[in-house]
Amino acid sequence: MGGGRGLAAPLRDLRGHQARPHRRPQQGQRGADELPHLLYDAGEPLVRRAQEAGELRDDATIGDVIRMVSGIAGVAFEDDAQRDRVIAMAVDGLRAR
């Protein structure tokens, strides 16, 4: 999270979420019901490392971060400037104090 990168950079790319039609996974592919587990499994070590580095609030969980990102991704913004402001506010709220 330090140095201006971290969570802020990927969040700036959000342009609003568009639902995609649900497709049945092909044989050998993971189903959509496994996605939350994959997000948690991948994100938990990142959250822990950011907390250990003093960059992320001690009380933040991967569930908090996923919900925040999902909320931001699920709305349409008036323009890029508004999206960037909202993302900056969200990232500021995650920073350790």
PDB file of N, CA and C in Angstrom:
ATOM      1  N   MET A   1       0.812  -1.189   0.000  1.00  0.00           N
ATOM      2  CA  MET A   1       0.000   0.000   0.000  1.00  0.00           C
ATOM      3  C   MET A   1       0.852   1.248   0.000  1.00  0.00           C
ATOM      4  N   GLY A   2       2.077   1.137   0.414  1.00  0.00           N
ATOM      5  CA  GLY A   2       2.924   2.309   0.474  1.00  0.00           C
ATOM      6  C   GLY A   2       3.405   2.713  -0.902  1.00  0.00           C
ATOM      7  N   GLY A   3       3.949   3.913  -0.975  1.00  0.00           N
ATOM      8  CA  GLY A   3       4.536   4.384  -2.210  1.00  0.00           C
ATOM      9  C   GLY A   3       3.537   4.702  -3.296  1.00  0.00           C
ATOM     10  N   GLY A   4       2.275   4.922  -2.951  1.00  0.00           N
ATOM     11  CA  GLY A   4       1.296   5.312  -3.948  1.00  0.00           C
ATOM     12  C   GLY A   4       0.757   4.178  -4.792  1.00  0.00           C
ATOM     13  N   ARG A   5       1.198   2.971  -4.588  1.00  0.00           N
ATOM     14  CA  ARG A   5       0.707   1.849  -5.379  1.00  0.00           C
ATOM     15  C   ARG A   5      -0.294   1.068  -4.547  1.00  0.00           C
ATOM     16  N   GLY A   6       0.053  -0.149  -4.213  1.00  0.00           N
ATOM     17  CA  GLY A   6      -0.816  -0.962  -3.388  1.00  0.00           C
ATOM     18  C   GLY A   6      -2.210  -1.084  -3.955  1.00  0.00           C
ATOM     19  N   LEU A   7      -3.182  -0.854  -3.137  1.00  0.00           N
ATOM     20  CA  LEU A   7      -4.578  -1.016  -3.509  1.00  0.00           C
ATOM     21  C   LEU A   7      -5.057   0.071  -4.460  1.00  0.00           C
ATOM     22  N   ALA A   8      -4.501   1.257  -4.362  1.00  0.00           N
ATOM     23  CA  ALA A   8      -5.009   2.382  -5.140  1.00  0.00           C
ATOM     24  C   ALA A   8      -4.878   2.172  -6.641  1.00  0.00           C
ATOM     25  N   ALA A   9      -3.767   1.646  -7.095  1.00  0.00           N
ATOM     26  CA  ALA A   9      -3.549   1.501  -8.538  1.00  0.00           C
ATOM     27  C   ALA A   9      -4.600   0.614  -9.203  1.00  0.00           C
ATOM     28  N   PRO A  10      -4.853  -0.606  -8.714  1.00  0.00           N
ATOM     29  CA  PRO A  10      -5.871  -1.413  -9.387  1.00  0.00           C
ATOM     30  C   PRO A  10      -7.271  -0.851  -9.231  1.00  0.00           C
ATOM     31  N   LEU A  11      -7.536  -0.187  -8.114  1.00  0.00           N
ATOM     32  CA  LEU A  11      -8.875   0.377  -7.928  1.00  0.00           C
ATOM     33  C   LEU A  11      -9.151   1.514  -8.899  1.00  0.00           C
ATOM     34  N   ARG A  12      -8.112   2.251  -9.303  1.00  0.00           N
ATOM     35  CA  ARG A  12      -8.312   3.353 -10.249  1.00  0.00           C
ATOM     36  C   ARG A  12      -8.822   2.868 -11.592  1.00  0.00           C
ATOM     37  N   ASP A  13      -8.622   1.593 -11.889  1.00  0.00           N
ATOM     38  CA  ASP A  13      -9.058   1.049 -13.170  1.00  0.00           C
ATOM     39  C   ASP A  13     -10.533   0.676 -13.191  1.00  0.00           C
ATOM     40  N   LEU A  14     -11.193   0.765 -12.054  1.00  0.00           N
ATOM     41  CA  LEU A  14     -12.609   0.400 -12.020  1.00  0.00           C
ATOM     42  C   LEU A  14     -13.422   1.422 -12.820  1.00  0.00           C
ATOM     43  N   ARG A  15     -14.254   0.954 -13.682  1.00  0.00           N
ATOM     44  CA  ARG A  15     -15.096   1.842 -14.486  1.00  0.00           C
ATOM     45  C   ARG A  15     -16.566   1.541 -14.246  1.00  0.00           C
ATOM     46  N   GLY A  16     -16.869   0.853 -13.171  1.00  0.00           N
ATOM     47  CA  GLY A  16     -18.239   0.418 -12.911  1.00  0.00           C
ATOM     48  C   GLY A  16     -18.357  -1.048 -13.265  1.00  0.00           C
ATOM     49  N   HIS A  17     -19.182  -1.737 -12.538  1.00  0.00           N
ATOM     50  CA  HIS A  17     -19.322  -3.179 -12.707  1.00  0.00           C
ATOM     51  C   HIS A  17     -20.470  -3.489 -13.639  1.00  0.00           C
ATOM     52  N   GLN A  18     -20.249  -4.365 -14.573  1.00  0.00           N
ATOM     53  CA  GLN A  18     -21.315  -4.835 -15.444  1.00  0.00           C
ATOM     54  C   GLN A  18     -21.454  -6.319 -15.219  1.00  0.00           C
ATOM     55  N   ALA A  19     -22.657  -6.732 -14.881  1.00  0.00           N
ATOM     56  CA  ALA A  19     -22.896  -8.157 -14.617  1.00  0.00           C
ATOM     57  C   ALA A  19     -22.679  -8.955 -15.894  1.00  0.00           C
ATOM     58  N   ARG A  20     -22.037 -10.079 -15.738  1.00  0.00           N
ATOM     59  CA  ARG A  20     -21.832 -10.973 -16.871  1.00  0.00           C
ATOM     60  C   ARG A  20     -22.771 -12.150 -16.717  1.00  0.00           C
ATOM     61  N   PRO A  21     -23.270 -12.676 -17.809  1.00  0.00           N
ATOM     62  CA  PRO A  21     -24.157 -13.824 -17.686  1.00  0.00           C
ATOM     63  C   PRO A  21     -23.432 -14.994 -17.039  1.00  0.00           C
ATOM     64  N   HIS A  22     -24.133 -15.711 -16.201  1.00  0.00           N
ATOM     65  CA  HIS A  22     -23.552 -16.870 -15.531  1.00  0.00           C
ATOM     66  C   HIS A  22     -23.366 -17.985 -16.557  1.00  0.00           C
ATOM     67  N   ARG A  23     -22.166 -18.527 -16.578  1.00  0.00           N
ATOM     68  CA  ARG A  23     -21.899 -19.653 -17.465  1.00  0.00           C
ATOM     69  C   ARG A  23     -21.497 -20.842 -16.628  1.00  0.00           C
ATOM     70  N   ARG A  24     -21.954 -21.976 -17.028  1.00  0.00           N
ATOM     71  CA  ARG A  24     -21.598 -23.212 -16.338  1.00  0.00           C
ATOM     72  C   ARG A  24     -20.135 -23.526 -16.636  1.00  0.00           C
ATOM     73  N   PRO A  25     -19.361 -23.848 -15.588  1.00  0.00           N
ATOM     74  CA  PRO A  25     -17.953 -24.157 -15.844  1.00  0.00           C
ATOM     75  C   PRO A  25     -17.809 -25.436 -16.646  1.00  0.00           C
ATOM     76  N   GLN A  26     -16.824 -25.449 -17.523  1.00  0.00           N
ATOM     77  CA  GLN A  26     -16.538 -26.651 -18.289  1.00  0.00           C
ATOM     78  C   GLN A  26     -15.786 -27.625 -17.401  1.00  0.00           C
ATOM     79  N   GLN A  27     -15.741 -28.862 -17.821  1.00  0.00           N
ATOM     80  CA  GLN A  27     -15.062 -29.873 -17.024  1.00  0.00           C
ATOM     81  C   GLN A  27     -13.629 -29.438 -16.751  1.00  0.00           C
ATOM     82  N   GLY A  28     -13.225 -29.565 -15.510  1.00  0.00           N
ATOM     83  CA  GLY A  28     -11.882 -29.182 -15.125  1.00  0.00           C
ATOM     84  C   GLY A  28     -11.756 -27.736 -14.690  1.00  0.00           C
ATOM     85  N   GLN A  29     -12.782 -26.917 -14.899  1.00  0.00           N
ATOM     86  CA  GLN A  29     -12.746 -25.527 -14.481  1.00  0.00           C
ATOM     87  C   GLN A  29     -13.431 -25.386 -13.128  1.00  0.00           C
ATOM     88  N   ARG A  30     -13.026 -24.375 -12.398  1.00  0.00           N
ATOM     89  CA  ARG A  30     -13.643 -24.124 -11.107  1.00  0.00           C
ATOM     90  C   ARG A  30     -14.963 -23.391 -11.312  1.00  0.00           C
ATOM     91  N   GLY A  31     -15.918 -23.703 -10.473  1.00  0.00           N
ATOM     92  CA  GLY A  31     -17.224 -23.073 -10.550  1.00  0.00           C
ATOM     93  C   GLY A  31     -17.228 -21.701  -9.914  1.00  0.00           C
ATOM     94  N   ALA A  32     -18.233 -20.908 -10.252  1.00  0.00           N
ATOM     95  CA  ALA A  32     -18.368 -19.560  -9.713  1.00  0.00           C
ATOM     96  C   ALA A  32     -18.522 -19.578  -8.202  1.00  0.00           C
ATOM     97  N   ASP A  33     -19.054 -20.665  -7.649  1.00  0.00           N
ATOM     98  CA  ASP A  33     -19.224 -20.740  -6.202  1.00  0.00           C
ATOM     99  C   ASP A  33     -17.888 -20.840  -5.471  1.00  0.00           C
ATOM    100  N   GLU A  34     -16.814 -21.157  -6.179  1.00  0.00           N
ATOM    101  CA  GLU A  34     -15.487 -21.230  -5.568  1.00  0.00           C
ATOM    102  C   GLU A  34     -14.787 -19.873  -5.559  1.00  0.00           C
ATOM    103  N   LEU A  35     -15.291 -18.907  -6.316  1.00  0.00           N
ATOM    104  CA  LEU A  35     -14.630 -17.614  -6.434  1.00  0.00           C
ATOM    105  C   LEU A  35     -14.434 -16.920  -5.088  1.00  0.00           C
ATOM    106  N   PRO A  36     -15.436 -16.860  -4.227  1.00  0.00           N
ATOM    107  CA  PRO A  36     -15.185 -16.203  -2.934  1.00  0.00           C
ATOM    108  C   PRO A  36     -14.038 -16.843  -2.160  1.00  0.00           C
ATOM    109  N   HIS A  37     -13.954 -18.144  -2.184  1.00  0.00           N
ATOM    110  CA  HIS A  37     -12.864 -18.824  -1.474  1.00  0.00           C
ATOM    111  C   HIS A  37     -11.518 -18.464  -2.084  1.00  0.00           C
ATOM    112  N   LEU A  38     -11.457 -18.378  -3.401  1.00  0.00           N
ATOM    113  CA  LEU A  38     -10.207 -18.009  -4.069  1.00  0.00           C
ATOM    114  C   LEU A  38      -9.791 -16.586  -3.694  1.00  0.00           C
ATOM    115  N   LEU A  39     -10.758 -15.674  -3.655  1.00  0.00           N
ATOM    116  CA  LEU A  39     -10.458 -14.285  -3.286  1.00  0.00           C
ATOM    117  C   LEU A  39      -9.929 -14.203  -1.859  1.00  0.00           C
ATOM    118  N   TYR A  40     -10.606 -14.897  -0.963  1.00  0.00           N
ATOM    119  CA  TYR A  40     -10.168 -14.886   0.436  1.00  0.00           C
ATOM    120  C   TYR A  40      -8.790 -15.529   0.584  1.00  0.00           C
ATOM    121  N   ASP A  41      -8.586 -16.658  -0.062  1.00  0.00           N
ATOM    122  CA  ASP A  41      -7.305 -17.356   0.051  1.00  0.00           C
ATOM    123  C   ASP A  41      -6.155 -16.528  -0.512  1.00  0.00           C
ATOM    124  N   ALA A  42      -6.395 -15.840  -1.615  1.00  0.00           N
ATOM    125  CA  ALA A  42      -5.351 -15.024  -2.229  1.00  0.00           C
ATOM    126  C   ALA A  42      -5.147 -13.715  -1.476  1.00  0.00           C
ATOM    127  N   GLY A  43      -6.221 -13.147  -0.969  1.00  0.00           N
ATOM    128  CA  GLY A  43      -6.140 -11.832  -0.341  1.00  0.00           C
ATOM    129  C   GLY A  43      -5.688 -11.826   1.096  1.00  0.00           C
ATOM    130  N   GLU A  44      -5.968 -12.885   1.826  1.00  0.00           N
ATOM    131  CA  GLU A  44      -5.621 -12.921   3.252  1.00  0.00           C
ATOM    132  C   GLU A  44      -4.142 -12.691   3.515  1.00  0.00           C
ATOM    133  N   PRO A  45      -3.233 -13.357   2.777  1.00  0.00           N
ATOM    134  CA  PRO A  45      -1.800 -13.093   3.012  1.00  0.00           C
ATOM    135  C   PRO A  45      -1.407 -11.650   2.673  1.00  0.00           C
ATOM    136  N   LEU A  46      -2.043 -11.062   1.670  1.00  0.00           N
ATOM    137  CA  LEU A  46      -1.742  -9.669   1.313  1.00  0.00           C
ATOM    138  C   LEU A  46      -2.149  -8.722   2.432  1.00  0.00           C
ATOM    139  N   VAL A  47      -3.323  -8.961   2.994  1.00  0.00           N
ATOM    140  CA  VAL A  47      -3.796  -8.136   4.103  1.00  0.00           C
ATOM    141  C   VAL A  47      -2.849  -8.272   5.292  1.00  0.00           C
ATOM    142  N   ARG A  48      -2.484  -9.482   5.608  1.00  0.00           N
ATOM    143  CA  ARG A  48      -1.592  -9.725   6.753  1.00  0.00           C
ATOM    144  C   ARG A  48      -0.246  -9.024   6.559  1.00  0.00           C
ATOM    145  N   ARG A  49       0.325  -9.140   5.337  1.00  0.00           N
ATOM    146  CA  ARG A  49       1.617  -8.491   5.078  1.00  0.00           C
ATOM    147  C   ARG A  49       1.504  -6.973   5.153  1.00  0.00           C
ATOM    148  N   ALA A  50       0.427  -6.411   4.635  1.00  0.00           N
ATOM    149  CA  ALA A  50       0.240  -4.961   4.695  1.00  0.00           C
ATOM    150  C   ALA A  50       0.099  -4.497   6.142  1.00  0.00           C
ATOM    151  N   GLN A  51      -0.572  -5.291   6.975  1.00  0.00           N
ATOM    152  CA  GLN A  51      -0.696  -4.949   8.390  1.00  0.00           C
ATOM    153  C   GLN A  51       0.652  -5.047   9.087  1.00  0.00           C
ATOM    154  N   GLU A  52       1.405  -6.095   8.804  1.00  0.00           N
ATOM    155  CA  GLU A  52       2.731  -6.262   9.412  1.00  0.00           C
ATOM    156  C   GLU A  52       3.674  -5.130   9.011  1.00  0.00           C
ATOM    157  N   ALA A  53       3.489  -4.597   7.802  1.00  0.00           N
ATOM    158  CA  ALA A  53       4.321  -3.487   7.325  1.00  0.00           C
ATOM    159  C   ALA A  53       3.838  -2.138   7.851  1.00  0.00           C
ATOM    160  N   GLY A  54       2.722  -2.140   8.579  1.00  0.00           N
ATOM    161  CA  GLY A  54       2.193  -0.892   9.132  1.00  0.00           C
ATOM    162  C   GLY A  54       1.467  -0.030   8.128  1.00  0.00           C
ATOM    163  N   GLU A  55       1.088  -0.611   6.986  1.00  0.00           N
ATOM    164  CA  GLU A  55       0.408   0.142   5.932  1.00  0.00           C
ATOM    165  C   GLU A  55      -1.111   0.026   5.991  1.00  0.00           C
ATOM    166  N   LEU A  56      -1.614  -1.027   6.605  1.00  0.00           N
ATOM    167  CA  LEU A  56      -3.050  -1.297   6.629  1.00  0.00           C
ATOM    168  C   LEU A  56      -3.533  -1.325   8.068  1.00  0.00           C
ATOM    169  N   ARG A  57      -4.716  -0.782   8.279  1.00  0.00           N
ATOM    170  CA  ARG A  57      -5.310  -0.789   9.612  1.00  0.00           C
ATOM    171  C   ARG A  57      -5.269  -2.185  10.215  1.00  0.00           C
ATOM    172  N   ASP A  58      -5.028  -2.246  11.504  1.00  0.00           N
ATOM    173  CA  ASP A  58      -4.970  -3.537  12.194  1.00  0.00           C
ATOM    174  C   ASP A  58      -6.322  -4.236  12.236  1.00  0.00           C
ATOM    175  N   ASP A  59      -7.404  -3.471  12.191  1.00  0.00           N
ATOM    176  CA  ASP A  59      -8.732  -4.069  12.310  1.00  0.00           C
ATOM    177  C   ASP A  59      -9.351  -4.442  10.967  1.00  0.00           C
ATOM    178  N   ALA A  60      -8.665  -4.180   9.863  1.00  0.00           N
ATOM    179  CA  ALA A  60      -9.192  -4.519   8.539  1.00  0.00           C
ATOM    180  C   ALA A  60      -9.043  -6.021   8.293  1.00  0.00           C
ATOM    181  N   THR A  61     -10.039  -6.592   7.651  1.00  0.00           N
ATOM    182  CA  THR A  61      -9.979  -8.006   7.266  1.00  0.00           C
ATOM    183  C   THR A  61     -10.086  -8.095   5.755  1.00  0.00           C
ATOM    184  N   ILE A  62      -9.752  -9.247   5.209  1.00  0.00           N
ATOM    185  CA  ILE A  62      -9.905  -9.439   3.768  1.00  0.00           C
ATOM    186  C   ILE A  62     -11.370  -9.304   3.382  1.00  0.00           C
ATOM    187  N   GLY A  63     -12.272  -9.724   4.248  1.00  0.00           N
ATOM    188  CA  GLY A  63     -13.697  -9.560   3.980  1.00  0.00           C
ATOM    189  C   GLY A  63     -14.087  -8.092   3.852  1.00  0.00           C
ATOM    190  N   ASP A  64     -13.515  -7.248   4.712  1.00  0.00           N
ATOM    191  CA  ASP A  64     -13.776  -5.808   4.630  1.00  0.00           C
ATOM    192  C   ASP A  64     -13.306  -5.255   3.287  1.00  0.00           C
ATOM    193  N   VAL A  65     -12.093  -5.633   2.893  1.00  0.00           N
ATOM    194  CA  VAL A  65     -11.511  -5.114   1.649  1.00  0.00           C
ATOM    195  C   VAL A  65     -12.317  -5.592   0.443  1.00  0.00           C
ATOM    196  N   ILE A  66     -12.696  -6.859   0.428  1.00  0.00           N
ATOM    197  CA  ILE A  66     -13.471  -7.390  -0.693  1.00  0.00           C
ATOM    198  C   ILE A  66     -14.813  -6.666  -0.801  1.00  0.00           C
ATOM    199  N   ARG A  67     -15.476  -6.450   0.310  1.00  0.00           N
ATOM    200  CA  ARG A  67     -16.761  -5.763   0.277  1.00  0.00           C
ATOM    201  C   ARG A  67     -16.610  -4.312  -0.187  1.00  0.00           C
ATOM    202  N   MET A  68     -15.540  -3.656   0.265  1.00  0.00           N
ATOM    203  CA  MET A  68     -15.310  -2.272  -0.149  1.00  0.00           C
ATOM    204  C   MET A  68     -15.080  -2.197  -1.659  1.00  0.00           C
ATOM    205  N   VAL A  69     -14.208  -3.062  -2.158  1.00  0.00           N
ATOM    206  CA  VAL A  69     -13.904  -3.066  -3.592  1.00  0.00           C
ATOM    207  C   VAL A  69     -15.155  -3.425  -4.395  1.00  0.00           C
ATOM    208  N   SER A  70     -15.918  -4.403  -3.922  1.00  0.00           N
ATOM    209  CA  SER A  70     -17.156  -4.788  -4.610  1.00  0.00           C
ATOM    210  C   SER A  70     -18.138  -3.632  -4.653  1.00  0.00           C
ATOM    211  N   GLY A  71     -18.224  -2.909  -3.552  1.00  0.00           N
ATOM    212  CA  GLY A  71     -19.128  -1.766  -3.513  1.00  0.00           C
ATOM    213  C   GLY A  71     -18.728  -0.679  -4.497  1.00  0.00           C
ATOM    214  N   ILE A  72     -17.442  -0.397  -4.564  1.00  0.00           N
ATOM    215  CA  ILE A  72     -16.957   0.623  -5.499  1.00  0.00           C
ATOM    216  C   ILE A  72     -17.158   0.153  -6.939  1.00  0.00           C
ATOM    217  N   ALA A  73     -16.883  -1.117  -7.184  1.00  0.00           N
ATOM    218  CA  ALA A  73     -17.008  -1.646  -8.547  1.00  0.00           C
ATOM    219  C   ALA A  73     -18.459  -1.710  -9.000  1.00  0.00           C
ATOM    220  N   GLY A  74     -19.393  -1.733  -8.062  1.00  0.00           N
ATOM    221  CA  GLY A  74     -20.795  -1.918  -8.397  1.00  0.00           C
ATOM    222  C   GLY A  74     -21.561  -0.649  -8.691  1.00  0.00           C
ATOM    223  N   VAL A  75     -20.896   0.480  -8.750  1.00  0.00           N
ATOM    224  CA  VAL A  75     -21.609   1.732  -9.015  1.00  0.00           C
ATOM    225  C   VAL A  75     -21.052   2.416 -10.257  1.00  0.00           C
ATOM    226  N   ALA A  76     -21.900   3.202 -10.875  1.00  0.00           N
ATOM    227  CA  ALA A  76     -21.468   4.021 -12.013  1.00  0.00           C
ATOM    228  C   ALA A  76     -21.059   5.388 -11.469  1.00  0.00           C
ATOM    229  N   PHE A  77     -20.029   5.945 -12.028  1.00  0.00           N
ATOM    230  CA  PHE A  77     -19.545   7.251 -11.601  1.00  0.00           C
ATOM    231  C   PHE A  77     -19.905   8.288 -12.660  1.00  0.00           C
ATOM    232  N   GLU A  78     -20.044   9.525 -12.204  1.00  0.00           N
ATOM    233  CA  GLU A  78     -20.360  10.615 -13.128  1.00  0.00           C
ATOM    234  C   GLU A  78     -19.235  10.821 -14.127  1.00  0.00           C
ATOM    235  N   ASP A  79     -18.002  10.683 -13.649  1.00  0.00           N
ATOM    236  CA  ASP A  79     -16.840  10.853 -14.508  1.00  0.00           C
ATOM    237  C   ASP A  79     -15.620  10.236 -13.824  1.00  0.00           C
ATOM    238  N   ASP A  80     -14.494  10.266 -14.519  1.00  0.00           N
ATOM    239  CA  ASP A  80     -13.267   9.681 -13.976  1.00  0.00           C
ATOM    240  C   ASP A  80     -12.817  10.385 -12.705  1.00  0.00           C
ATOM    241  N   ALA A  81     -13.010  11.695 -12.643  1.00  0.00           N
ATOM    242  CA  ALA A  81     -12.585  12.450 -11.462  1.00  0.00           C
ATOM    243  C   ALA A  81     -13.349  11.990 -10.218  1.00  0.00           C
ATOM    244  N   GLN A  82     -14.644  11.742 -10.364  1.00  0.00           N
ATOM    245  CA  GLN A  82     -15.423  11.268  -9.220  1.00  0.00           C
ATOM    246  C   GLN A  82     -14.958   9.878  -8.795  1.00  0.00           C
ATOM    247  N   ARG A  83     -14.727   8.999  -9.767  1.00  0.00           N
ATOM    248  CA  ARG A  83     -14.242   7.662  -9.452  1.00  0.00           C
ATOM    249  C   ARG A  83     -12.922   7.733  -8.697  1.00  0.00           C
ATOM    250  N   ASP A  84     -12.004   8.571  -9.167  1.00  0.00           N
ATOM    251  CA  ASP A  84     -10.698   8.702  -8.525  1.00  0.00           C
ATOM    252  C   ASP A  84     -10.823   9.245  -7.100  1.00  0.00           C
ATOM    253  N   ARG A  85     -11.744  10.195  -6.874  1.00  0.00           N
ATOM    254  CA  ARG A  85     -11.970  10.733  -5.523  1.00  0.00           C
ATOM    255  C   ARG A  85     -12.486   9.658  -4.578  1.00  0.00           C
ATOM    256  N   VAL A  86     -13.474   8.885  -5.043  1.00  0.00           N
ATOM    257  CA  VAL A  86     -14.061   7.833  -4.214  1.00  0.00           C
ATOM    258  C   VAL A  86     -13.005   6.785  -3.872  1.00  0.00           C
ATOM    259  N   ILE A  87     -12.207   6.394  -4.846  1.00  0.00           N
ATOM    260  CA  ILE A  87     -11.151   5.414  -4.601  1.00  0.00           C
ATOM    261  C   ILE A  87     -10.136   5.969  -3.604  1.00  0.00           C
ATOM    262  N   ALA A  88      -9.752   7.220  -3.760  1.00  0.00           N
ATOM    263  CA  ALA A  88      -8.795   7.834  -2.827  1.00  0.00           C
ATOM    264  C   ALA A  88      -9.356   7.846  -1.405  1.00  0.00           C
ATOM    265  N   MET A  89     -10.630   8.158  -1.259  1.00  0.00           N
ATOM    266  CA  MET A  89     -11.249   8.154   0.067  1.00  0.00           C
ATOM    267  C   MET A  89     -11.250   6.753   0.664  1.00  0.00           C
ATOM    268  N   ALA A  90     -11.562   5.759  -0.153  1.00  0.00           N
ATOM    269  CA  ALA A  90     -11.600   4.385   0.342  1.00  0.00           C
ATOM    270  C   ALA A  90     -10.217   3.919   0.760  1.00  0.00           C
ATOM    271  N   VAL A  91      -9.218   4.198  -0.056  1.00  0.00           N
ATOM    272  CA  VAL A  91      -7.852   3.782   0.266  1.00  0.00           C
ATOM    273  C   VAL A  91      -7.359   4.520   1.514  1.00  0.00           C
ATOM    274  N   ASP A  92      -7.650   5.797   1.634  1.00  0.00           N
ATOM    275  CA  ASP A  92      -7.268   6.540   2.836  1.00  0.00           C
ATOM    276  C   ASP A  92      -7.867   5.920   4.085  1.00  0.00           C
ATOM    277  N   GLY A  93      -9.090   5.416   3.966  1.00  0.00           N
ATOM    278  CA  GLY A  93      -9.750   4.794   5.108  1.00  0.00           C
ATOM    279  C   GLY A  93      -9.116   3.471   5.516  1.00  0.00           C
ATOM    280  N   LEU A  94      -8.389   2.838   4.632  1.00  0.00           N
ATOM    281  CA  LEU A  94      -7.721   1.566   4.937  1.00  0.00           C
ATOM    282  C   LEU A  94      -6.334   1.758   5.564  1.00  0.00           C
ATOM    283  N   ARG A  95      -5.772   2.929   5.392  1.00  0.00           N
ATOM    284  CA  ARG A  95      -4.408   3.166   5.873  1.00  0.00           C
ATOM    285  C   ARG A  95      -4.321   3.084   7.397  1.00  0.00           C
ATOM    286  N   ALA A  96      -3.196   2.547   7.851  1.00  0.00           N
ATOM    287  CA  ALA A  96      -2.930   2.515   9.293  1.00  0.00           C
ATOM    288  C   ALA A  96      -2.731   3.951   9.781  1.00  0.00           C
ATOM    289  N   ARG A  97      -3.178   4.196  10.987  1.00  0.00           N
ATOM    290  CA  ARG A  97      -3.052   5.557  11.552  1.00  0.00           C
ATOM    291  C   ARG A  97      -2.088   5.525  12.712  1.00  0.00           C
TER     292      ARG A  97
END
